[in-house]
């Protein structure tokens, strides 16, 4: 079982999964994007899991209130 993932930089990653457990065991760059500026994104290079995650600086934050305070407010009696 395998998947092709489009990365935000334009590259395509090939992810191979174990057919029984469904866990990913191999992640490699399959094709380099034309506008990719990352030197480590060469075809055939293995990727770490955190390379597939979105950039934290581009993520939108719903609330600036700390999660603990939100949970306490939700479950207070």
C-alpha atoms as a PDB file:
ATOM      1  CA  UNK A   1       0.000   0.000   0.000  1.00  0.00           C
ATOM      2  CA  UNK A   2       1.463   3.365  -0.950  1.00  0.00           C
ATOM      3  CA  UNK A   3       0.438   6.981  -1.324  1.00  0.00           C
ATOM      4  CA  UNK A   4       1.702  10.066  -3.110  1.00  0.00           C
ATOM      5  CA  UNK A   5       1.492  13.257  -1.052  1.00  0.00           C
ATOM      6  CA  UNK A   6       1.811  16.785  -2.405  1.00  0.00           C
ATOM      7  CA  UNK A   7       4.014  18.839  -0.087  1.00  0.00           C
ATOM      8  CA  UNK A   8       3.478  22.593   0.410  1.00  0.00           C
ATOM      9  CA  UNK A   9       6.744  23.325  -1.426  1.00  0.00           C
ATOM     10  CA  UNK A  10       5.489  21.594  -4.596  1.00  0.00           C
ATOM     11  CA  UNK A  11       7.415  18.346  -4.187  1.00  0.00           C
ATOM     12  CA  UNK A  12       5.714  14.944  -4.248  1.00  0.00           C
ATOM     13  CA  UNK A  13       6.481  12.443  -1.492  1.00  0.00           C
ATOM     14  CA  UNK A  14       5.987   8.682  -1.866  1.00  0.00           C
ATOM     15  CA  UNK A  15       4.787   7.046   1.362  1.00  0.00           C
ATOM     16  CA  UNK A  16       4.877   3.243   1.611  1.00  0.00           C
ATOM     17  CA  UNK A  17       2.744   1.591   4.297  1.00  0.00           C
ATOM     18  CA  UNK A  18       2.672  -1.870   5.814  1.00  0.00           C
ATOM     19  CA  UNK A  19      -0.448  -3.633   4.427  1.00  0.00           C
ATOM     20  CA  UNK A  20      -1.283  -5.341   7.730  1.00  0.00           C
ATOM     21  CA  UNK A  21      -0.786  -2.527  10.248  1.00  0.00           C
ATOM     22  CA  UNK A  22      -1.214   0.441   7.898  1.00  0.00           C
ATOM     23  CA  UNK A  23       1.812   2.172   9.437  1.00  0.00           C
ATOM     24  CA  UNK A  24       4.095   4.152   7.145  1.00  0.00           C
ATOM     25  CA  UNK A  25       7.567   2.634   6.991  1.00  0.00           C
ATOM     26  CA  UNK A  26       9.150   4.584   4.112  1.00  0.00           C
ATOM     27  CA  UNK A  27       8.816   8.205   3.014  1.00  0.00           C
ATOM     28  CA  UNK A  28      10.900   9.488   0.092  1.00  0.00           C
ATOM     29  CA  UNK A  29      10.837  12.421  -2.331  1.00  0.00           C
ATOM     30  CA  UNK A  30       9.397  11.114  -5.600  1.00  0.00           C
ATOM     31  CA  UNK A  31       9.496  14.364  -7.602  1.00  0.00           C
ATOM     32  CA  UNK A  32      10.954  17.757  -6.830  1.00  0.00           C
ATOM     33  CA  UNK A  33       8.690  20.791  -7.214  1.00  0.00           C
ATOM     34  CA  UNK A  34       9.776  23.466  -9.701  1.00  0.00           C
ATOM     35  CA  UNK A  35       9.727  26.190  -7.037  1.00  0.00           C
ATOM     36  CA  UNK A  36      11.135  24.163  -4.125  1.00  0.00           C
ATOM     37  CA  UNK A  37      14.001  25.947  -2.385  1.00  0.00           C
ATOM     38  CA  UNK A  38      14.782  23.253   0.191  1.00  0.00           C
ATOM     39  CA  UNK A  39      18.186  21.689  -0.462  1.00  0.00           C
ATOM     40  CA  UNK A  40      17.269  18.439   1.281  1.00  0.00           C
ATOM     41  CA  UNK A  41      14.374  17.779  -1.145  1.00  0.00           C
ATOM     42  CA  UNK A  42      16.312  15.779  -3.724  1.00  0.00           C
ATOM     43  CA  UNK A  43      14.641  12.870  -5.524  1.00  0.00           C
ATOM     44  CA  UNK A  44      15.127   9.631  -3.573  1.00  0.00           C
ATOM     45  CA  UNK A  45      15.976  11.278  -0.235  1.00  0.00           C
ATOM     46  CA  UNK A  46      14.183   9.870   2.798  1.00  0.00           C
ATOM     47  CA  UNK A  47      11.866  12.172   4.688  1.00  0.00           C
ATOM     48  CA  UNK A  48      11.227  12.330   8.393  1.00  0.00           C
ATOM     49  CA  UNK A  49       7.647  12.475   9.610  1.00  0.00           C
ATOM     50  CA  UNK A  50       7.981  16.126  10.687  1.00  0.00           C
ATOM     51  CA  UNK A  51       8.945  17.042   7.091  1.00  0.00           C
ATOM     52  CA  UNK A  52       5.399  16.089   6.055  1.00  0.00           C
ATOM     53  CA  UNK A  53       3.688  18.239   8.688  1.00  0.00           C
ATOM     54  CA  UNK A  54       2.519  21.761   7.804  1.00  0.00           C
ATOM     55  CA  UNK A  55       4.674  24.723   8.772  1.00  0.00           C
ATOM     56  CA  UNK A  56       3.621  25.971  12.215  1.00  0.00           C
ATOM     57  CA  UNK A  57       4.089  29.600  11.214  1.00  0.00           C
ATOM     58  CA  UNK A  58       1.368  29.213   8.565  1.00  0.00           C
ATOM     59  CA  UNK A  59      -1.170  27.533  10.840  1.00  0.00           C
ATOM     60  CA  UNK A  60      -4.097  29.615  12.033  1.00  0.00           C
ATOM     61  CA  UNK A  61      -4.739  29.718  15.759  1.00  0.00           C
ATOM     62  CA  UNK A  62      -8.409  29.683  16.743  1.00  0.00           C
ATOM     63  CA  UNK A  63      -7.892  31.163  20.171  1.00  0.00           C
ATOM     64  CA  UNK A  64      -5.034  32.610  22.158  1.00  0.00           C
ATOM     65  CA  UNK A  65      -6.556  31.253  25.345  1.00  0.00           C
ATOM     66  CA  UNK A  66      -4.443  28.381  26.731  1.00  0.00           C
ATOM     67  CA  UNK A  67      -5.926  24.926  26.188  1.00  0.00           C
ATOM     68  CA  UNK A  68      -5.953  24.135  29.920  1.00  0.00           C
ATOM     69  CA  UNK A  69      -8.065  27.205  30.659  1.00  0.00           C
ATOM     70  CA  UNK A  70     -10.480  26.327  27.829  1.00  0.00           C
ATOM     71  CA  UNK A  71     -10.872  22.778  29.131  1.00  0.00           C
ATOM     72  CA  UNK A  72     -11.420  24.007  32.706  1.00  0.00           C
ATOM     73  CA  UNK A  73     -14.129  26.383  31.476  1.00  0.00           C
ATOM     74  CA  UNK A  74     -15.836  23.610  29.477  1.00  0.00           C
ATOM     75  CA  UNK A  75     -15.927  21.137  32.364  1.00  0.00           C
ATOM     76  CA  UNK A  76     -16.573  23.514  35.269  1.00  0.00           C
ATOM     77  CA  UNK A  77     -19.775  22.874  37.192  1.00  0.00           C
END
